[in-house]
Amino acid sequence: MPTIQRAGRDRPLARHTLLIALVACSEMALAGVAHTAAAKDRAPTQTATVPTAFEMQLFYADRTWNWQDGAAYFAQDRRLRAWTAGPDSTSIAEGRWLLTSNGKMCMELVWRSTAYAATPIRTCFSHRIQDGNVEQRKDPDGGWYNFKHASDDASGEHRKFQEGDAKNIEFETARKLVDPKG
């Protein structure tokens, strides 16, 4: 057992205490590194998967996707209608929507307005599931963004969806502007 000695002489107790403190700090640092490495080994290395057509159906069917300047309604029977309205133009579209087995939702619409004749346009969005969240991108080369959080976080694009044909009145108003006779 170390003994305390007077000033000016060797201090075995002080050196022993310092040595113990250094060893303890080293062990804690190494334990932290080991814990971090072990946590990385346990971290999920989940790769992205695609949602099934059934899951995709639940995202879109009988829902209205609200946009900044319009909306689109995805009917249960796969009919689709949409409208947009800007300061100088109003457009409407009718067509269909479809799902693929590789996580795509496509809208095949014929757009028309008072400024241009009927124009068929096909727009597709890819979906993937990453870390429990659904991500979406506009094909062919759009960037991935959050579509639907697993926890229904309000920051996803899916928050812009409403149940049912929520913008029917606005669509009919736009139709009357584009087709005053119809």
N, C-alpha and C. Protein backbone atom coordinates (compact mmCIF):
# COMPACT_ATOMS: atom_id res chain seq x y z
N MET A 1 0.85 -1.17 0.00
CA MET A 1 0.00 0.00 0.00
C MET A 1 0.89 1.23 0.00
N PRO A 2 0.56 2.22 -0.83
CA PRO A 2 1.40 3.41 -0.91
C PRO A 2 1.33 4.20 0.39
N THR A 3 2.38 4.91 0.61
CA THR A 3 2.43 5.75 1.80
C THR A 3 2.57 7.19 1.39
N ILE A 4 2.05 8.07 2.21
CA ILE A 4 2.17 9.49 1.94
C ILE A 4 3.49 9.93 2.53
N GLN A 5 4.25 10.64 1.72
CA GLN A 5 5.54 11.12 2.18
C GLN A 5 5.54 12.63 2.14
N ARG A 6 6.49 13.21 2.81
CA ARG A 6 6.57 14.65 2.91
C ARG A 6 6.96 15.31 1.60
N ALA A 7 6.70 16.62 1.51
CA ALA A 7 7.02 17.39 0.31
C ALA A 7 8.48 17.27 -0.01
N GLY A 8 8.79 17.27 -1.30
CA GLY A 8 10.16 17.19 -1.74
C GLY A 8 10.62 15.78 -1.94
N ARG A 9 9.95 14.84 -1.40
CA ARG A 9 10.32 13.45 -1.58
C ARG A 9 9.42 12.82 -2.63
N ASP A 10 9.74 11.60 -3.00
CA ASP A 10 8.92 10.85 -3.96
C ASP A 10 7.49 10.75 -3.45
N ARG A 11 6.54 10.85 -4.34
CA ARG A 11 5.12 10.75 -3.97
C ARG A 11 4.49 9.56 -4.67
N PRO A 12 4.66 8.38 -4.14
CA PRO A 12 4.09 7.20 -4.78
C PRO A 12 2.56 7.25 -4.84
N LEU A 13 1.89 7.81 -3.86
CA LEU A 13 0.43 7.86 -3.87
C LEU A 13 -0.08 8.74 -5.00
N ALA A 14 0.53 9.87 -5.20
CA ALA A 14 0.10 10.80 -6.25
C ALA A 14 0.31 10.17 -7.62
N ARG A 15 1.47 9.52 -7.84
CA ARG A 15 1.73 8.87 -9.13
C ARG A 15 0.77 7.72 -9.35
N HIS A 16 0.50 6.97 -8.32
CA HIS A 16 -0.41 5.84 -8.41
C HIS A 16 -1.83 6.34 -8.76
N THR A 17 -2.29 7.41 -8.11
CA THR A 17 -3.61 7.97 -8.37
C THR A 17 -3.69 8.49 -9.81
N LEU A 18 -2.66 9.17 -10.28
CA LEU A 18 -2.62 9.68 -11.64
C LEU A 18 -2.66 8.53 -12.64
N LEU A 19 -1.91 7.47 -12.37
CA LEU A 19 -1.89 6.31 -13.25
C LEU A 19 -3.28 5.67 -13.32
N ILE A 20 -3.94 5.54 -12.18
CA ILE A 20 -5.28 4.96 -12.16
C ILE A 20 -6.25 5.84 -12.96
N ALA A 21 -6.16 7.15 -12.81
CA ALA A 21 -7.04 8.07 -13.54
C ALA A 21 -6.80 7.96 -15.04
N LEU A 22 -5.55 7.88 -15.47
CA LEU A 22 -5.24 7.75 -16.89
C LEU A 22 -5.78 6.44 -17.46
N VAL A 23 -5.60 5.36 -16.72
CA VAL A 23 -6.10 4.06 -17.18
C VAL A 23 -7.63 4.11 -17.28
N ALA A 24 -8.29 4.69 -16.30
CA ALA A 24 -9.76 4.77 -16.31
C ALA A 24 -10.24 5.59 -17.50
N CYS A 25 -9.58 6.72 -17.76
CA CYS A 25 -9.99 7.55 -18.91
C CYS A 25 -9.78 6.80 -20.21
N SER A 26 -8.67 6.10 -20.33
CA SER A 26 -8.39 5.34 -21.56
C SER A 26 -9.44 4.26 -21.76
N GLU A 27 -9.79 3.57 -20.67
CA GLU A 27 -10.80 2.52 -20.78
C GLU A 27 -12.15 3.08 -21.20
N MET A 28 -12.52 4.24 -20.65
CA MET A 28 -13.78 4.85 -21.03
C MET A 28 -13.76 5.27 -22.50
N ALA A 29 -12.66 5.83 -22.95
CA ALA A 29 -12.56 6.25 -24.35
C ALA A 29 -12.64 5.04 -25.28
N LEU A 30 -11.92 3.98 -24.93
CA LEU A 30 -11.96 2.77 -25.75
C LEU A 30 -13.35 2.13 -25.72
N ALA A 31 -14.00 2.17 -24.59
CA ALA A 31 -15.34 1.60 -24.49
C ALA A 31 -16.31 2.39 -25.37
N GLY A 32 -16.15 3.72 -25.39
CA GLY A 32 -17.00 4.55 -26.24
C GLY A 32 -16.80 4.23 -27.71
N VAL A 33 -15.53 4.06 -28.13
CA VAL A 33 -15.24 3.72 -29.53
C VAL A 33 -15.82 2.35 -29.85
N ALA A 34 -15.65 1.40 -28.94
CA ALA A 34 -16.17 0.05 -29.16
C ALA A 34 -17.70 0.08 -29.24
N HIS A 35 -18.33 0.88 -28.38
CA HIS A 35 -19.79 0.98 -28.40
C HIS A 35 -20.26 1.58 -29.72
N THR A 36 -19.58 2.62 -30.19
CA THR A 36 -19.95 3.25 -31.46
C THR A 36 -19.78 2.28 -32.61
N ALA A 37 -18.70 1.53 -32.62
CA ALA A 37 -18.48 0.55 -33.69
C ALA A 37 -19.55 -0.53 -33.64
N ALA A 38 -19.89 -0.98 -32.44
CA ALA A 38 -20.92 -2.01 -32.31
C ALA A 38 -22.27 -1.47 -32.76
N ALA A 39 -22.56 -0.20 -32.44
CA ALA A 39 -23.82 0.39 -32.87
C ALA A 39 -23.89 0.47 -34.39
N LYS A 40 -22.77 0.81 -35.03
CA LYS A 40 -22.76 0.85 -36.49
C LYS A 40 -22.99 -0.53 -37.07
N ASP A 41 -22.42 -1.55 -36.43
CA ASP A 41 -22.63 -2.92 -36.91
C ASP A 41 -24.09 -3.32 -36.79
N ARG A 42 -24.78 -2.82 -35.75
CA ARG A 42 -26.18 -3.17 -35.55
C ARG A 42 -27.12 -2.28 -36.35
N ALA A 43 -26.62 -1.14 -36.86
CA ALA A 43 -27.47 -0.21 -37.60
C ALA A 43 -28.05 -0.91 -38.82
N PRO A 44 -29.33 -0.65 -39.09
CA PRO A 44 -29.93 -1.31 -40.25
C PRO A 44 -29.30 -0.81 -41.54
N THR A 45 -28.99 -1.73 -42.39
CA THR A 45 -28.46 -1.38 -43.70
C THR A 45 -29.56 -1.69 -44.70
N GLN A 46 -30.71 -1.10 -44.43
CA GLN A 46 -31.89 -1.36 -45.23
C GLN A 46 -31.74 -0.74 -46.61
N THR A 47 -32.03 -1.52 -47.61
CA THR A 47 -32.04 -1.00 -48.96
C THR A 47 -33.47 -0.63 -49.31
N ALA A 48 -33.61 0.22 -50.29
CA ALA A 48 -34.94 0.66 -50.68
C ALA A 48 -35.70 -0.46 -51.36
N THR A 49 -37.00 -0.51 -51.09
CA THR A 49 -37.90 -1.44 -51.76
C THR A 49 -38.99 -0.61 -52.43
N VAL A 50 -39.81 -1.24 -53.24
CA VAL A 50 -40.91 -0.51 -53.87
C VAL A 50 -42.22 -0.96 -53.25
N PRO A 51 -43.16 -0.02 -53.10
CA PRO A 51 -44.46 -0.41 -52.57
C PRO A 51 -45.21 -1.28 -53.57
N THR A 52 -46.06 -2.13 -53.07
CA THR A 52 -46.87 -2.98 -53.94
C THR A 52 -47.96 -2.13 -54.60
N ALA A 53 -48.57 -2.68 -55.64
CA ALA A 53 -49.67 -1.98 -56.31
C ALA A 53 -50.82 -1.76 -55.32
N PHE A 54 -51.04 -2.70 -54.42
CA PHE A 54 -52.10 -2.54 -53.42
C PHE A 54 -51.79 -1.36 -52.50
N GLU A 55 -50.55 -1.26 -52.03
CA GLU A 55 -50.17 -0.13 -51.17
C GLU A 55 -50.33 1.19 -51.91
N MET A 56 -49.93 1.19 -53.17
CA MET A 56 -50.06 2.41 -53.98
C MET A 56 -51.53 2.79 -54.14
N GLN A 57 -52.39 1.80 -54.34
CA GLN A 57 -53.83 2.04 -54.46
C GLN A 57 -54.34 2.79 -53.24
N LEU A 58 -53.85 2.42 -52.05
CA LEU A 58 -54.28 3.07 -50.82
C LEU A 58 -53.84 4.53 -50.75
N PHE A 59 -52.72 4.86 -51.39
CA PHE A 59 -52.24 6.25 -51.39
C PHE A 59 -53.12 7.15 -52.26
N TYR A 60 -53.62 6.62 -53.38
CA TYR A 60 -54.25 7.46 -54.39
C TYR A 60 -55.76 7.31 -54.57
N ALA A 61 -56.29 6.11 -54.50
CA ALA A 61 -57.69 5.86 -54.88
C ALA A 61 -58.67 6.67 -54.03
N ASP A 62 -59.61 7.31 -54.73
CA ASP A 62 -60.65 8.14 -54.12
C ASP A 62 -60.06 9.25 -53.25
N ARG A 63 -59.02 9.86 -53.79
CA ARG A 63 -58.36 10.97 -53.10
C ARG A 63 -58.11 12.11 -54.07
N THR A 64 -58.04 13.30 -53.51
CA THR A 64 -57.72 14.50 -54.28
C THR A 64 -56.32 14.95 -53.88
N TRP A 65 -55.45 15.14 -54.88
CA TRP A 65 -54.09 15.65 -54.66
C TRP A 65 -54.14 17.14 -54.93
N ASN A 66 -53.99 17.93 -53.90
CA ASN A 66 -54.05 19.38 -54.01
C ASN A 66 -52.69 19.94 -54.38
N TRP A 67 -52.69 20.79 -55.39
CA TRP A 67 -51.47 21.45 -55.85
C TRP A 67 -51.57 22.92 -55.51
N GLN A 68 -50.48 23.63 -55.72
CA GLN A 68 -50.47 25.07 -55.44
C GLN A 68 -51.51 25.81 -56.29
N ASP A 69 -51.67 25.38 -57.55
CA ASP A 69 -52.58 26.09 -58.45
C ASP A 69 -53.67 25.19 -59.04
N GLY A 70 -54.01 24.11 -58.37
CA GLY A 70 -55.03 23.21 -58.88
C GLY A 70 -55.10 21.93 -58.07
N ALA A 71 -55.63 20.88 -58.72
CA ALA A 71 -55.76 19.60 -58.02
C ALA A 71 -56.06 18.50 -59.03
N ALA A 72 -55.90 17.26 -58.58
CA ALA A 72 -56.25 16.09 -59.39
C ALA A 72 -57.03 15.12 -58.51
N TYR A 73 -58.10 14.56 -59.09
CA TYR A 73 -58.90 13.58 -58.35
C TYR A 73 -58.70 12.20 -58.98
N PHE A 74 -58.29 11.23 -58.15
CA PHE A 74 -58.02 9.86 -58.55
C PHE A 74 -59.22 9.00 -58.15
N ALA A 75 -60.11 8.73 -59.09
CA ALA A 75 -61.32 7.95 -58.79
C ALA A 75 -60.97 6.48 -58.58
N GLN A 76 -61.83 5.78 -57.85
CA GLN A 76 -61.64 4.35 -57.59
C GLN A 76 -61.55 3.55 -58.89
N ASP A 77 -62.33 3.95 -59.90
CA ASP A 77 -62.35 3.21 -61.16
C ASP A 77 -61.20 3.61 -62.10
N ARG A 78 -60.23 4.31 -61.59
CA ARG A 78 -59.02 4.74 -62.29
C ARG A 78 -59.23 5.91 -63.25
N ARG A 79 -60.41 6.51 -63.24
CA ARG A 79 -60.56 7.75 -63.98
C ARG A 79 -59.85 8.85 -63.21
N LEU A 80 -59.40 9.85 -63.94
CA LEU A 80 -58.64 10.95 -63.34
C LEU A 80 -59.07 12.24 -64.00
N ARG A 81 -59.24 13.24 -63.19
CA ARG A 81 -59.49 14.57 -63.73
C ARG A 81 -58.73 15.58 -62.90
N ALA A 82 -58.32 16.65 -63.59
CA ALA A 82 -57.47 17.64 -62.92
C ALA A 82 -57.79 19.02 -63.47
N TRP A 83 -57.34 20.02 -62.75
CA TRP A 83 -57.49 21.39 -63.20
C TRP A 83 -56.35 22.23 -62.63
N THR A 84 -56.01 23.27 -63.34
CA THR A 84 -55.07 24.27 -62.84
C THR A 84 -55.63 25.63 -63.21
N ALA A 85 -55.34 26.61 -62.41
CA ALA A 85 -55.80 27.96 -62.67
C ALA A 85 -54.71 28.94 -62.28
N GLY A 86 -54.30 29.72 -63.24
CA GLY A 86 -53.32 30.77 -62.99
C GLY A 86 -53.96 32.12 -63.24
N PRO A 87 -53.22 33.19 -63.09
CA PRO A 87 -53.80 34.52 -63.29
C PRO A 87 -54.34 34.74 -64.71
N ASP A 88 -53.69 34.13 -65.71
CA ASP A 88 -54.09 34.35 -67.09
C ASP A 88 -54.64 33.13 -67.80
N SER A 89 -54.64 31.98 -67.15
CA SER A 89 -55.11 30.79 -67.86
C SER A 89 -55.70 29.77 -66.89
N THR A 90 -56.64 29.02 -67.42
CA THR A 90 -57.25 27.91 -66.70
C THR A 90 -57.19 26.71 -67.62
N SER A 91 -56.82 25.56 -67.07
CA SER A 91 -56.74 24.32 -67.84
C SER A 91 -57.47 23.22 -67.10
N ILE A 92 -58.02 22.29 -67.87
CA ILE A 92 -58.62 21.10 -67.27
C ILE A 92 -58.07 19.88 -68.00
N ALA A 93 -58.15 18.75 -67.35
CA ALA A 93 -57.66 17.51 -67.95
C ALA A 93 -58.54 16.37 -67.50
N GLU A 94 -58.68 15.39 -68.39
CA GLU A 94 -59.39 14.17 -68.05
C GLU A 94 -58.61 13.01 -68.64
N GLY A 95 -58.67 11.89 -67.97
CA GLY A 95 -57.95 10.71 -68.43
C GLY A 95 -58.04 9.60 -67.41
N ARG A 96 -56.90 8.94 -67.22
CA ARG A 96 -56.88 7.82 -66.28
C ARG A 96 -55.54 7.79 -65.55
N TRP A 97 -55.54 7.02 -64.48
CA TRP A 97 -54.30 6.80 -63.73
C TRP A 97 -54.09 5.31 -63.62
N LEU A 98 -52.82 4.93 -63.55
CA LEU A 98 -52.50 3.51 -63.46
C LEU A 98 -51.32 3.29 -62.54
N LEU A 99 -51.22 2.07 -62.07
CA LEU A 99 -50.15 1.66 -61.17
C LEU A 99 -49.38 0.52 -61.82
N THR A 100 -48.09 0.45 -61.54
CA THR A 100 -47.29 -0.65 -62.04
C THR A 100 -46.76 -1.47 -60.86
N SER A 101 -46.25 -2.63 -61.17
CA SER A 101 -45.72 -3.50 -60.12
C SER A 101 -44.35 -3.04 -59.63
N ASN A 102 -43.75 -2.06 -60.30
CA ASN A 102 -42.43 -1.59 -59.85
C ASN A 102 -42.51 -0.21 -59.18
N GLY A 103 -43.64 0.10 -58.55
CA GLY A 103 -43.75 1.29 -57.72
C GLY A 103 -44.05 2.58 -58.46
N LYS A 104 -44.58 2.50 -59.67
CA LYS A 104 -44.89 3.73 -60.42
C LYS A 104 -46.39 4.00 -60.42
N MET A 105 -46.70 5.29 -60.40
CA MET A 105 -48.06 5.76 -60.63
C MET A 105 -47.96 6.71 -61.81
N CYS A 106 -48.77 6.45 -62.84
CA CYS A 106 -48.76 7.29 -64.04
C CYS A 106 -50.12 7.91 -64.23
N MET A 107 -50.10 9.15 -64.67
CA MET A 107 -51.31 9.87 -65.02
C MET A 107 -51.29 10.09 -66.53
N GLU A 108 -52.31 9.61 -67.20
CA GLU A 108 -52.45 9.83 -68.64
C GLU A 108 -53.64 10.76 -68.83
N LEU A 109 -53.33 12.02 -69.09
CA LEU A 109 -54.36 13.05 -69.15
C LEU A 109 -54.32 13.79 -70.49
N VAL A 110 -55.48 14.23 -70.92
CA VAL A 110 -55.58 15.13 -72.06
C VAL A 110 -55.94 16.50 -71.50
N TRP A 111 -54.98 17.42 -71.59
CA TRP A 111 -55.15 18.77 -71.07
C TRP A 111 -55.72 19.68 -72.16
N ARG A 112 -56.59 20.58 -71.77
CA ARG A 112 -57.08 21.58 -72.70
C ARG A 112 -57.38 22.88 -71.94
N SER A 113 -57.33 23.96 -72.70
CA SER A 113 -57.62 25.27 -72.14
C SER A 113 -58.12 26.17 -73.27
N THR A 114 -58.39 27.40 -72.95
CA THR A 114 -58.79 28.34 -74.00
C THR A 114 -57.58 28.75 -74.83
N ALA A 115 -56.38 28.55 -74.31
CA ALA A 115 -55.17 28.97 -75.01
C ALA A 115 -54.58 27.89 -75.92
N TYR A 116 -54.93 26.61 -75.73
CA TYR A 116 -54.37 25.55 -76.57
C TYR A 116 -55.37 24.40 -76.71
N ALA A 117 -55.16 23.63 -77.77
CA ALA A 117 -56.04 22.49 -78.06
C ALA A 117 -55.67 21.32 -77.16
N ALA A 118 -56.47 20.28 -77.25
CA ALA A 118 -56.26 19.09 -76.42
C ALA A 118 -54.86 18.54 -76.62
N THR A 119 -54.17 18.32 -75.52
CA THR A 119 -52.80 17.81 -75.55
C THR A 119 -52.68 16.64 -74.59
N PRO A 120 -52.42 15.42 -75.12
CA PRO A 120 -52.24 14.28 -74.21
C PRO A 120 -50.85 14.33 -73.55
N ILE A 121 -50.85 14.11 -72.27
CA ILE A 121 -49.59 14.12 -71.50
C ILE A 121 -49.60 12.94 -70.54
N ARG A 122 -48.49 12.23 -70.51
CA ARG A 122 -48.31 11.13 -69.55
C ARG A 122 -47.22 11.57 -68.57
N THR A 123 -47.56 11.57 -67.29
CA THR A 123 -46.63 11.94 -66.23
C THR A 123 -46.58 10.79 -65.24
N CYS A 124 -45.36 10.34 -64.93
CA CYS A 124 -45.21 9.22 -64.00
C CYS A 124 -44.38 9.63 -62.79
N PHE A 125 -44.67 9.00 -61.68
CA PHE A 125 -43.93 9.19 -60.44
C PHE A 125 -43.51 7.82 -59.93
N SER A 126 -42.23 7.69 -59.58
CA SER A 126 -41.73 6.47 -58.96
C SER A 126 -41.82 6.62 -57.45
N HIS A 127 -41.97 5.50 -56.78
CA HIS A 127 -42.05 5.46 -55.32
C HIS A 127 -41.10 4.40 -54.80
N ARG A 128 -40.54 4.65 -53.64
CA ARG A 128 -39.72 3.65 -52.97
C ARG A 128 -39.92 3.80 -51.46
N ILE A 129 -39.63 2.71 -50.76
CA ILE A 129 -39.72 2.72 -49.30
C ILE A 129 -38.30 2.63 -48.78
N GLN A 130 -37.92 3.63 -48.00
CA GLN A 130 -36.58 3.70 -47.43
C GLN A 130 -36.72 4.03 -45.95
N ASP A 131 -36.17 3.20 -45.10
CA ASP A 131 -36.23 3.40 -43.64
C ASP A 131 -37.67 3.61 -43.15
N GLY A 132 -38.62 2.89 -43.74
CA GLY A 132 -40.01 2.96 -43.31
C GLY A 132 -40.80 4.12 -43.90
N ASN A 133 -40.14 5.01 -44.61
CA ASN A 133 -40.81 6.16 -45.22
C ASN A 133 -40.96 5.93 -46.73
N VAL A 134 -42.02 6.47 -47.30
CA VAL A 134 -42.23 6.36 -48.74
C VAL A 134 -41.70 7.63 -49.38
N GLU A 135 -40.85 7.46 -50.38
CA GLU A 135 -40.30 8.58 -51.12
C GLU A 135 -40.85 8.55 -52.53
N GLN A 136 -40.89 9.72 -53.17
CA GLN A 136 -41.45 9.85 -54.51
C GLN A 136 -40.51 10.71 -55.35
N ARG A 137 -40.54 10.49 -56.66
CA ARG A 137 -39.83 11.37 -57.58
C ARG A 137 -40.57 11.38 -58.90
N LYS A 138 -40.48 12.51 -59.58
CA LYS A 138 -41.08 12.61 -60.90
C LYS A 138 -40.12 11.98 -61.89
N ASP A 139 -40.65 11.09 -62.72
CA ASP A 139 -39.82 10.42 -63.72
C ASP A 139 -39.62 11.33 -64.92
N PRO A 140 -38.54 11.23 -65.62
CA PRO A 140 -37.56 10.16 -65.49
C PRO A 140 -36.40 10.49 -64.56
N ASP A 141 -36.17 11.75 -64.24
CA ASP A 141 -34.94 12.07 -63.52
C ASP A 141 -35.12 13.06 -62.38
N GLY A 142 -36.31 13.14 -61.81
CA GLY A 142 -36.52 14.02 -60.68
C GLY A 142 -35.80 13.52 -59.44
N GLY A 143 -35.58 14.40 -58.50
CA GLY A 143 -34.94 14.02 -57.25
C GLY A 143 -35.93 13.38 -56.29
N TRP A 144 -35.47 12.48 -55.45
CA TRP A 144 -36.32 11.83 -54.46
C TRP A 144 -36.68 12.82 -53.36
N TYR A 145 -37.93 12.81 -52.94
CA TYR A 145 -38.38 13.63 -51.83
C TYR A 145 -39.39 12.83 -51.01
N ASN A 146 -39.66 13.32 -49.82
CA ASN A 146 -40.55 12.61 -48.91
C ASN A 146 -41.99 12.65 -49.42
N PHE A 147 -42.58 11.49 -49.58
CA PHE A 147 -43.98 11.39 -49.98
C PHE A 147 -44.86 11.11 -48.76
N LYS A 148 -44.48 10.11 -47.98
CA LYS A 148 -45.28 9.76 -46.81
C LYS A 148 -44.38 9.18 -45.73
N HIS A 149 -44.34 9.86 -44.58
CA HIS A 149 -43.59 9.37 -43.43
C HIS A 149 -44.33 8.20 -42.79
N ALA A 150 -43.57 7.29 -42.24
CA ALA A 150 -44.17 6.17 -41.53
C ALA A 150 -45.01 6.67 -40.35
N SER A 151 -44.61 7.80 -39.77
CA SER A 151 -45.31 8.35 -38.60
C SER A 151 -46.35 9.41 -38.97
N ASP A 152 -46.69 9.52 -40.26
CA ASP A 152 -47.62 10.54 -40.75
C ASP A 152 -47.15 11.94 -40.41
N ASP A 153 -45.85 12.16 -40.44
CA ASP A 153 -45.27 13.48 -40.27
C ASP A 153 -45.88 14.41 -41.32
N ALA A 154 -46.16 15.62 -40.95
CA ALA A 154 -46.85 16.56 -41.83
C ALA A 154 -45.98 17.11 -42.96
N SER A 155 -44.71 16.74 -43.04
CA SER A 155 -43.86 17.32 -44.07
C SER A 155 -43.90 16.58 -45.39
N GLY A 156 -44.58 15.46 -45.47
CA GLY A 156 -44.61 14.69 -46.71
C GLY A 156 -45.61 15.23 -47.72
N GLU A 157 -45.37 14.91 -48.98
CA GLU A 157 -46.26 15.32 -50.07
C GLU A 157 -47.66 14.76 -49.86
N HIS A 158 -47.77 13.60 -49.25
CA HIS A 158 -49.07 12.96 -49.07
C HIS A 158 -50.00 13.79 -48.18
N ARG A 159 -49.48 14.74 -47.44
CA ARG A 159 -50.33 15.60 -46.61
C ARG A 159 -51.22 16.47 -47.48
N LYS A 160 -50.88 16.60 -48.77
CA LYS A 160 -51.68 17.40 -49.70
C LYS A 160 -52.87 16.62 -50.27
N PHE A 161 -53.03 15.38 -49.83
CA PHE A 161 -54.14 14.55 -50.31
C PHE A 161 -55.32 14.67 -49.35
N GLN A 162 -56.52 14.71 -49.95
CA GLN A 162 -57.76 14.71 -49.17
C GLN A 162 -58.60 13.53 -49.63
N GLU A 163 -59.38 13.01 -48.72
CA GLU A 163 -60.29 11.91 -49.10
C GLU A 163 -61.39 12.45 -50.00
N GLY A 164 -61.80 11.63 -50.95
CA GLY A 164 -62.92 11.96 -51.82
C GLY A 164 -62.56 12.98 -52.90
N ASP A 165 -63.59 13.41 -53.61
CA ASP A 165 -63.45 14.39 -54.69
C ASP A 165 -63.60 15.78 -54.08
N ALA A 166 -62.58 16.21 -53.38
CA ALA A 166 -62.64 17.42 -52.55
C ALA A 166 -62.69 18.72 -53.35
N LYS A 167 -62.32 18.69 -54.62
CA LYS A 167 -62.27 19.93 -55.43
C LYS A 167 -63.21 19.85 -56.63
N ASN A 168 -64.29 19.12 -56.52
CA ASN A 168 -65.24 18.97 -57.61
C ASN A 168 -65.80 20.31 -58.07
N ILE A 169 -66.16 21.17 -57.14
CA ILE A 169 -66.73 22.48 -57.49
C ILE A 169 -65.71 23.30 -58.29
N GLU A 170 -64.45 23.29 -57.85
CA GLU A 170 -63.42 24.03 -58.56
C GLU A 170 -63.19 23.46 -59.96
N PHE A 171 -63.23 22.12 -60.08
CA PHE A 171 -63.08 21.51 -61.39
C PHE A 171 -64.21 21.94 -62.32
N GLU A 172 -65.44 21.91 -61.85
CA GLU A 172 -66.59 22.29 -62.67
C GLU A 172 -66.52 23.77 -63.05
N THR A 173 -66.05 24.61 -62.16
CA THR A 173 -65.87 26.03 -62.47
C THR A 173 -64.82 26.19 -63.57
N ALA A 174 -63.71 25.48 -63.47
CA ALA A 174 -62.67 25.52 -64.50
C ALA A 174 -63.20 24.99 -65.82
N ARG A 175 -63.98 23.92 -65.79
CA ARG A 175 -64.54 23.35 -67.01
C ARG A 175 -65.40 24.39 -67.74
N LYS A 176 -66.21 25.13 -67.01
CA LYS A 176 -67.07 26.16 -67.62
C LYS A 176 -66.25 27.27 -68.27
N LEU A 177 -65.08 27.56 -67.70
CA LEU A 177 -64.20 28.58 -68.31
C LEU A 177 -63.57 28.07 -69.60
N VAL A 178 -63.19 26.80 -69.59
CA VAL A 178 -62.53 26.19 -70.77
C VAL A 178 -63.54 25.81 -71.83
N ASP A 179 -64.67 25.24 -71.43
CA ASP A 179 -65.75 24.81 -72.35
C ASP A 179 -67.05 25.53 -72.00
N PRO A 180 -67.18 26.79 -72.39
CA PRO A 180 -68.37 27.52 -71.99
C PRO A 180 -69.67 26.89 -72.47
N LYS A 181 -69.63 26.11 -73.55
CA LYS A 181 -70.83 25.47 -74.08
C LYS A 181 -71.15 24.17 -73.33
N GLY A 182 -70.12 23.55 -72.76
CA GLY A 182 -70.27 22.23 -72.16
C GLY A 182 -70.75 22.27 -70.80
